[in-house]
Protein backbone atom coordinates (compact mmCIF):
# COMPACT_ATOMS: atom_id res chain seq x y z
CA UNK A 1 4.15 5.68 14.22
CA UNK A 2 5.15 2.06 13.75
CA UNK A 3 2.86 -0.44 15.44
CA UNK A 4 4.40 -3.79 16.38
CA UNK A 5 2.30 -6.86 17.11
CA UNK A 6 2.72 -10.62 17.33
CA UNK A 7 0.17 -12.74 15.52
CA UNK A 8 0.10 -16.46 14.75
CA UNK A 9 3.78 -16.77 15.73
CA UNK A 10 4.90 -13.90 13.46
CA UNK A 11 6.40 -10.53 14.34
CA UNK A 12 4.53 -7.81 12.45
CA UNK A 13 5.20 -4.11 12.02
CA UNK A 14 2.58 -1.87 10.45
CA UNK A 15 2.45 1.82 9.55
CA UNK A 16 6.09 1.98 8.46
CA UNK A 17 5.26 4.53 5.75
CA UNK A 18 4.87 8.23 6.36
CA UNK A 19 2.03 9.78 4.44
CA UNK A 20 0.19 8.85 1.29
CA UNK A 21 1.32 8.03 -2.23
CA UNK A 22 -0.30 7.30 -5.55
CA UNK A 23 1.75 4.67 -7.38
CA UNK A 24 1.33 3.46 -10.94
CA UNK A 25 2.18 -0.21 -11.34
CA UNK A 26 2.91 -2.01 -14.60
CA UNK A 27 0.81 -5.14 -15.02
CA UNK A 28 2.21 -6.14 -18.40
CA UNK A 29 -0.24 -4.95 -21.02
CA UNK A 30 -1.85 -2.35 -18.76
CA UNK A 31 -0.97 -0.13 -15.83
CA UNK A 32 -2.97 0.43 -12.67
CA UNK A 33 -3.02 3.55 -10.52
CA UNK A 34 -2.91 2.49 -6.87
CA UNK A 35 -3.07 4.09 -3.46
CA UNK A 36 -0.51 3.15 -0.85
CA UNK A 37 -2.13 1.37 2.07
CA UNK A 38 0.92 0.45 4.12
CA UNK A 39 4.54 -0.54 4.17
CA UNK A 40 4.71 -3.35 6.68
CA UNK A 41 6.93 -6.26 7.69
CA UNK A 42 6.36 -9.84 8.56
CA UNK A 43 9.28 -11.45 10.39
CA UNK A 44 11.55 -8.60 9.20
CA UNK A 45 10.67 -8.98 5.50
CA UNK A 46 9.24 -5.73 4.12
CA UNK A 47 6.09 -5.67 2.02
CA UNK A 48 3.95 -2.95 0.54
CA UNK A 49 0.17 -3.10 0.20
CA UNK A 50 -1.49 -1.09 -2.57
CA UNK A 51 -5.12 -0.79 -3.58
CA UNK A 52 -6.25 -0.10 -7.12
CA UNK A 53 -8.01 3.26 -7.42
CA UNK A 54 -10.33 1.71 -10.03
CA UNK A 55 -11.08 -1.86 -9.00
CA UNK A 56 -10.21 -1.81 -5.27
CA UNK A 57 -8.04 -4.89 -5.85
CA UNK A 58 -5.31 -5.17 -3.23
CA UNK A 59 -1.75 -5.91 -4.35
CA UNK A 60 1.06 -7.00 -2.06
CA UNK A 61 4.68 -6.78 -3.19
CA UNK A 62 8.08 -7.16 -1.63
CA UNK A 63 9.33 -3.69 -0.81
CA UNK A 64 12.87 -2.32 -0.92
CA UNK A 65 13.72 1.34 -0.46
CA UNK A 66 16.98 2.48 -2.03
CA UNK A 67 17.64 5.77 -0.26
CA UNK A 68 20.82 6.38 -2.25
CA UNK A 69 18.91 6.32 -5.56
CA UNK A 70 15.60 7.71 -4.27
CA UNK A 71 13.91 4.66 -5.75
CA UNK A 72 11.38 2.18 -4.50
CA UNK A 73 11.70 -1.38 -5.75
CA UNK A 74 8.57 -3.52 -5.79
CA UNK A 75 8.96 -7.22 -6.52
CA UNK A 76 6.23 -9.77 -7.08
CA UNK A 77 5.69 -12.34 -4.34
CA UNK A 78 5.79 -15.50 -6.46
CA UNK A 79 5.23 -18.03 -3.66
CA UNK A 80 1.43 -18.46 -3.44
CA UNK A 81 1.56 -19.84 0.12
CA UNK A 82 3.68 -16.92 1.32
CA UNK A 83 1.37 -14.44 -0.37
CA UNK A 84 -1.71 -16.01 1.20
CA UNK A 85 -0.10 -16.01 4.67
CA UNK A 86 1.08 -12.40 4.36
CA UNK A 87 -2.34 -11.30 3.08
CA UNK A 88 -4.04 -13.15 5.95
CA UNK A 89 -1.81 -11.39 8.50
CA UNK A 90 -2.31 -8.05 6.73
CA UNK A 91 -6.11 -8.36 6.95
CA UNK A 92 -5.94 -8.89 10.71
CA UNK A 93 -4.63 -5.33 11.01
CA UNK A 94 -6.23 -3.69 7.97
CA UNK A 95 -9.90 -4.65 7.90
CA UNK A 96 -12.35 -3.65 5.15
CA UNK A 97 -13.63 -0.62 7.06
CA UNK A 98 -10.11 0.75 7.64
CA UNK A 99 -9.24 0.31 3.97
CA UNK A 100 -12.53 1.91 2.86
CA UNK A 101 -11.82 4.90 5.12
CA UNK A 102 -8.31 5.23 3.69
CA UNK A 103 -9.59 5.11 0.10
CA UNK A 104 -12.19 7.75 0.98
CA UNK A 105 -9.42 9.95 2.41
CA UNK A 106 -7.40 9.57 -0.81
CA UNK A 107 -10.42 10.41 -2.96
CA UNK A 108 -11.23 13.46 -0.83
CA UNK A 109 -7.62 14.66 -1.02
CA UNK A 110 -7.52 14.18 -4.80
CA UNK A 111 -10.85 15.97 -5.30
CA UNK A 112 -9.63 18.85 -3.14
CA UNK A 113 -6.34 19.02 -5.06
CA UNK A 114 -8.16 19.01 -8.42
CA UNK A 115 -10.54 21.71 -7.18
CA UNK A 116 -7.59 23.85 -6.04
CA UNK A 117 -5.91 23.43 -9.45
CA UNK A 118 -9.12 24.43 -11.24
CA UNK A 119 -9.36 27.55 -9.06
CA UNK A 120 -5.79 28.52 -9.99
CA UNK A 121 -6.54 28.08 -13.71
CA UNK A 122 -9.47 30.50 -13.59
């Protein structure tokens, strides 16, 4: 369910994604496995927030969904001021406790899935 709020003169929409996803992002020389936190918009520009499953670093990208190709396009937010503002607005909705709970849910789901796979292999 999408939640709309106004904050600091911006129109925000959170919870635009349905469900969870594990996404591998290419960081040049390495890749990072990330959990989807949220697809959200600030003043009708869509962003995606991901958290690294290893380092808990949060990444924010521009988000475009191409339904015709079943692809998700993530683009780097190059403007430092925009990134800081978007991250600031994001953290008003997603606080540390909420993110920690989400990561715990992902880890529990993954452990359960791995346990179920091991049971099938036996």
